[in-house]
Each structure stands twice: as C-alpha cells, then as structure tokens.
Amino acid sequence: MKKIYLVLFICIAFLGVKSATFTVTILGNSYSPSTLTVSVGDMVVIQASGLHPANQVTFSHWTSGVTTPMVGGWGSLSTTFTFTATTVGTIYYLCQTHGPFGMKGSITVVSGVGINETANNFLNSYNLFPNPATSNVKVSFGLTETSTVNIKLFNVAGQEVKVFVSDLNLVADNYEYNFELPQSIASGNYFIEVSSGNRKSIKKLLVSK
C-alpha cells in the first residue's frame, strides 16, 4: 500500500510541473541563443538543415571544434528536431559544417529554478509576449478580484533583477503592460513573477540578444 501511495505521489508531482519550450535557431553561421539553460521536463527545439547539420559531441570535441558525433548522442541531424530535457547536465553540439569555425551551442539542464510558485487563483490568465524577448516584454494577465499587484523579474538563481510594478492597486479586470528590459541584461533564462501578497504566479522568459 505504501508503494502505491508513493507512485501516486510521484505521478501527481510530475503532473504539477509546468514545462516550457525553448527554440534554438540558425542565425547566419551561428546558433541563437548559443547558450541555453532549461529545467528537467522542458522541451527544446533545435533548428538544423542540410547546410547546418547539428552534431551532439563530447565537451572535449566541442572545445576543439571536432565534429565527430558523440556515442549515445543524437548523432548528426539535418532537420529541425525537438527533445525533452530529462537529465541534469550539459548538452554540447555544433554544426558539422561550420563547427570548426565557431558555430556551436550548449544547453545546461538543471533540476529546478529556485523560485516556488504558490496558489495563484487571483489570476485567471497570465501571458508573456514575445518569448524569447530582446529588449521589451509584454505582460498580460486577468485579475479575479481587487488586488495589490507586484511584477518582478528574477534570474535563474532566484535573485531579483528588476521591479516593474510595486504595490499597484488594481480592480478585477484584464491588464496589459509593456516593460523595457534592463539594457545590461544578458541573454539567458529569467522569470517574471506577478504576485499579490503571498500569492504568486511565475512564468519563464528567455532573453535573446
């Protein structure tokens, strides 16, 4: 019986995890973004083509620009493909044609983000656009009740990067705000939190410059 409860708990916990999708595109003879951090369960789309086959390689080959596919990796792929991050660690890949000249990328997979999401029933919708973002991000959400709202930007370590809105009193309605990202912000993964008191909702934002 204890085993059954344990299995049920694991299934419920797994279903409660919110995954995100990240896309790596080809920009000239480089990958954009070239470095990416995702969580276990996230989906990653990597663009590849006959001109730019993507090879998963070992770290030593990635460092030296050797294009030999890694044993046990995805091999050499010439079409765009999607995979789910399942194991903590770093995935190294490069272009079979241009890898020796610096066309390479890496994906770091982490187990968590260091930010917890609690009950968010004060919102009936919450979206970020565009995502990935470059210089601005539009935050839209719907409030189910009158609330004092805060909107903040965090990095993957859970550190506050920017306060967009502080203690703004809003009635139940739909809202949309356009925020300028800090000019000094680097490419990578961030999180935007909409909160009211101890209730919060968090979405992952990819910044690509």
Protein backbone atom coordinates (compact mmCIF):
# COMPACT_ATOMS: atom_id res chain seq x y z
CA MET A 1 0.00 0.00 0.00
CA LYS A 2 2.84 2.40 0.82
CA LYS A 3 4.34 1.71 -2.60
CA ILE A 4 1.03 2.60 -4.26
CA TYR A 5 0.85 5.90 -2.36
CA LEU A 6 4.45 6.66 -3.32
CA VAL A 7 3.75 6.02 -7.01
CA LEU A 8 0.64 8.21 -6.85
CA PHE A 9 2.59 10.99 -5.16
CA ILE A 10 5.32 10.89 -7.82
CA CYS A 11 2.71 10.97 -10.61
CA ILE A 12 0.88 13.92 -9.06
CA ALA A 13 4.13 15.79 -8.51
CA PHE A 14 5.16 15.15 -12.11
CA LEU A 15 1.84 16.35 -13.48
CA GLY A 16 2.12 19.50 -11.38
CA VAL A 17 5.40 20.54 -13.02
CA LYS A 18 4.94 23.20 -15.69
CA SER A 19 7.26 22.72 -18.64
CA ALA A 20 8.34 25.32 -21.16
CA THR A 21 9.51 25.16 -24.77
CA PHE A 22 12.73 26.81 -25.96
CA THR A 23 13.89 27.25 -29.54
CA VAL A 24 17.43 27.49 -30.90
CA THR A 25 17.55 28.99 -34.39
CA ILE A 26 20.24 29.38 -37.02
CA LEU A 27 21.41 32.96 -37.48
CA GLY A 28 23.95 33.11 -40.27
CA ASN A 29 26.73 30.77 -39.17
CA SER A 30 25.81 30.81 -35.50
CA TYR A 31 23.14 29.49 -33.15
CA SER A 32 20.77 31.87 -31.39
CA PRO A 33 20.91 31.63 -28.44
CA SER A 34 24.24 29.80 -28.36
CA THR A 35 23.90 29.04 -24.64
CA LEU A 36 20.67 27.98 -23.01
CA THR A 37 19.60 26.92 -19.51
CA VAL A 38 16.46 24.80 -19.14
CA SER A 39 14.83 22.72 -16.44
CA VAL A 40 14.20 18.99 -16.48
CA GLY A 41 10.92 18.46 -18.33
CA ASP A 42 11.33 21.44 -20.64
CA MET A 43 11.20 20.94 -24.40
CA VAL A 44 13.95 22.20 -26.70
CA VAL A 45 13.64 22.77 -30.44
CA ILE A 46 16.93 22.96 -32.35
CA GLN A 47 16.98 24.16 -35.93
CA ALA A 48 19.11 22.09 -38.30
CA SER A 49 19.40 21.76 -42.06
CA GLY A 50 21.41 20.13 -44.81
CA LEU A 51 23.68 23.17 -44.78
CA HIS A 52 23.91 23.16 -40.98
CA PRO A 53 23.70 19.58 -39.64
CA ALA A 54 23.70 19.56 -35.83
CA ASN A 55 26.01 17.08 -34.13
CA GLN A 56 25.92 16.31 -30.42
CA VAL A 57 29.55 15.98 -29.30
CA THR A 58 31.64 15.49 -26.19
CA PHE A 59 32.91 18.51 -24.26
CA SER A 60 36.49 17.98 -25.45
CA HIS A 61 35.37 17.82 -29.10
CA TRP A 62 33.11 20.84 -28.57
CA THR A 63 36.03 22.82 -27.16
CA SER A 64 38.35 21.90 -30.00
CA GLY A 65 35.72 22.10 -32.75
CA VAL A 66 35.85 18.40 -33.68
CA THR A 67 32.56 17.38 -35.33
CA THR A 68 32.64 13.63 -34.56
CA PRO A 69 29.19 12.73 -33.13
CA MET A 70 29.17 11.59 -29.51
CA VAL A 71 28.46 7.91 -28.85
CA GLY A 72 24.98 7.71 -27.35
CA GLY A 73 24.05 11.22 -28.53
CA TRP A 74 21.56 12.20 -31.19
CA GLY A 75 24.14 11.78 -33.96
CA SER A 76 24.08 14.12 -36.95
CA LEU A 77 20.70 15.65 -37.76
CA SER A 78 19.88 17.71 -40.85
CA THR A 79 16.27 18.63 -39.98
CA THR A 80 14.81 20.62 -37.10
CA PHE A 81 14.10 18.37 -34.14
CA THR A 82 12.56 18.52 -30.68
CA PHE A 83 13.54 16.75 -27.48
CA THR A 84 12.58 16.85 -23.82
CA ALA A 85 15.32 17.57 -21.26
CA THR A 86 15.35 14.57 -18.93
CA THR A 87 18.81 14.53 -17.31
CA VAL A 88 20.67 17.19 -15.35
CA GLY A 89 23.89 18.15 -17.11
CA THR A 90 25.15 20.00 -20.20
CA ILE A 91 24.50 19.07 -23.82
CA TYR A 92 27.16 20.19 -26.30
CA TYR A 93 26.53 20.42 -30.03
CA LEU A 94 28.00 22.06 -33.10
CA CYS A 95 27.39 22.44 -36.80
CA GLN A 96 29.05 19.66 -38.78
CA THR A 97 29.99 22.16 -41.49
CA HIS A 98 30.86 25.27 -39.51
CA GLY A 99 31.61 23.88 -36.05
CA PRO A 100 35.37 24.10 -36.54
CA PHE A 101 34.85 27.82 -37.26
CA GLY A 102 32.87 28.51 -34.08
CA MET A 103 29.26 27.52 -34.87
CA LYS A 104 28.49 25.71 -31.63
CA GLY A 105 25.97 25.73 -28.79
CA SER A 106 25.35 24.30 -25.34
CA ILE A 107 22.26 23.52 -23.28
CA THR A 108 22.54 23.31 -19.50
CA VAL A 109 19.78 21.24 -17.86
CA VAL A 110 19.04 21.99 -14.21
CA SER A 111 16.68 20.25 -11.79
CA GLY A 112 14.89 23.39 -10.58
CA VAL A 113 14.88 27.17 -10.69
CA GLY A 114 14.99 28.17 -7.04
CA ILE A 115 11.67 30.00 -7.22
CA ASN A 116 8.47 28.46 -5.89
CA GLU A 117 5.00 29.04 -7.27
CA THR A 118 2.15 29.15 -4.75
CA ALA A 119 -1.61 29.35 -5.20
CA ASN A 120 -2.34 31.80 -7.99
CA ASN A 121 -6.14 31.83 -8.03
CA PHE A 122 -6.11 35.64 -8.03
CA LEU A 123 -5.30 35.36 -11.76
CA ASN A 124 -7.45 33.80 -14.46
CA SER A 125 -4.85 34.33 -17.19
CA TYR A 126 -1.17 35.21 -17.47
CA ASN A 127 0.97 35.51 -20.61
CA LEU A 128 4.33 36.89 -21.77
CA PHE A 129 5.00 38.14 -25.30
CA PRO A 130 7.32 37.94 -27.11
CA ASN A 131 9.09 34.97 -25.63
CA PRO A 132 12.02 34.88 -26.43
CA ALA A 133 12.32 38.64 -25.88
CA THR A 134 15.08 41.04 -26.91
CA SER A 135 14.51 44.46 -25.35
CA ASN A 136 10.84 44.59 -24.30
CA VAL A 137 8.30 42.17 -22.94
CA LYS A 138 4.52 42.49 -22.75
CA VAL A 139 2.93 41.11 -19.57
CA SER A 140 -0.80 40.46 -19.74
CA PHE A 141 -2.98 39.00 -17.00
CA GLY A 142 -6.53 38.90 -15.71
CA LEU A 143 -7.37 39.61 -12.07
CA THR A 144 -10.26 37.77 -10.45
CA GLU A 145 -10.52 40.26 -7.57
CA THR A 146 -9.24 43.65 -6.42
CA SER A 147 -5.57 43.14 -5.60
CA THR A 148 -2.33 44.93 -4.79
CA VAL A 149 -0.02 43.74 -7.56
CA ASN A 150 3.75 43.48 -7.86
CA ILE A 151 5.56 42.44 -11.05
CA LYS A 152 9.22 41.48 -10.79
CA LEU A 153 11.99 39.97 -12.92
CA PHE A 154 14.25 37.26 -11.44
CA ASN A 155 17.27 35.36 -12.73
CA VAL A 156 17.63 31.57 -12.54
CA ALA A 157 19.25 31.85 -9.10
CA GLY A 158 16.10 33.50 -7.73
CA GLN A 159 17.76 36.91 -7.43
CA GLU A 160 15.63 39.99 -8.11
CA VAL A 161 16.82 41.74 -11.28
CA LYS A 162 14.14 44.38 -11.83
CA VAL A 163 10.92 45.60 -10.20
CA PHE A 164 8.48 46.51 -12.96
CA VAL A 165 5.47 47.29 -10.75
CA SER A 166 5.34 47.81 -6.99
CA ASP A 167 2.16 47.77 -4.84
CA LEU A 168 -0.20 48.76 -7.66
CA ASN A 169 -3.86 48.66 -6.59
CA LEU A 170 -6.00 47.16 -9.36
CA VAL A 171 -9.64 46.09 -9.60
CA ALA A 172 -10.74 42.80 -11.15
CA ASP A 173 -10.14 43.21 -14.90
CA ASN A 174 -7.73 42.33 -17.72
CA TYR A 175 -4.42 44.22 -17.88
CA GLU A 176 -1.52 44.52 -20.29
CA TYR A 177 1.80 46.24 -19.63
CA ASN A 178 4.82 46.68 -21.87
CA PHE A 179 8.09 46.69 -19.95
CA GLU A 180 11.59 47.57 -21.13
CA LEU A 181 14.18 45.02 -20.06
CA PRO A 182 17.35 46.35 -18.39
CA GLN A 183 19.93 47.27 -21.04
CA SER A 184 22.64 45.42 -19.13
CA ILE A 185 20.68 42.17 -19.05
CA ALA A 186 22.48 39.21 -20.64
CA SER A 187 20.96 36.55 -22.85
CA GLY A 188 19.57 33.61 -20.91
CA ASN A 189 16.64 32.38 -18.86
CA TYR A 190 14.74 34.62 -16.46
CA PHE A 191 11.40 34.54 -14.64
CA ILE A 192 8.65 37.13 -14.35
CA GLU A 193 6.56 36.94 -11.20
CA VAL A 194 3.13 38.50 -10.79
CA SER A 195 2.21 38.48 -7.11
CA SER A 196 -0.35 39.75 -4.65
CA GLY A 197 0.54 39.24 -1.00
CA ASN A 198 1.81 35.67 -0.63
CA ARG A 199 0.11 34.52 -3.83
CA LYS A 200 2.21 34.48 -6.96
CA SER A 201 2.38 33.17 -10.48
CA ILE A 202 5.67 32.76 -12.34
CA LYS A 203 6.48 32.31 -16.00
CA LYS A 204 9.83 31.62 -17.62
CA LEU A 205 11.19 34.25 -20.02
CA LEU A 206 14.03 33.67 -22.46
CA VAL A 207 16.08 36.77 -23.28
CA SER A 208 17.92 36.54 -26.60
CA LYS A 209 20.12 39.41 -27.77
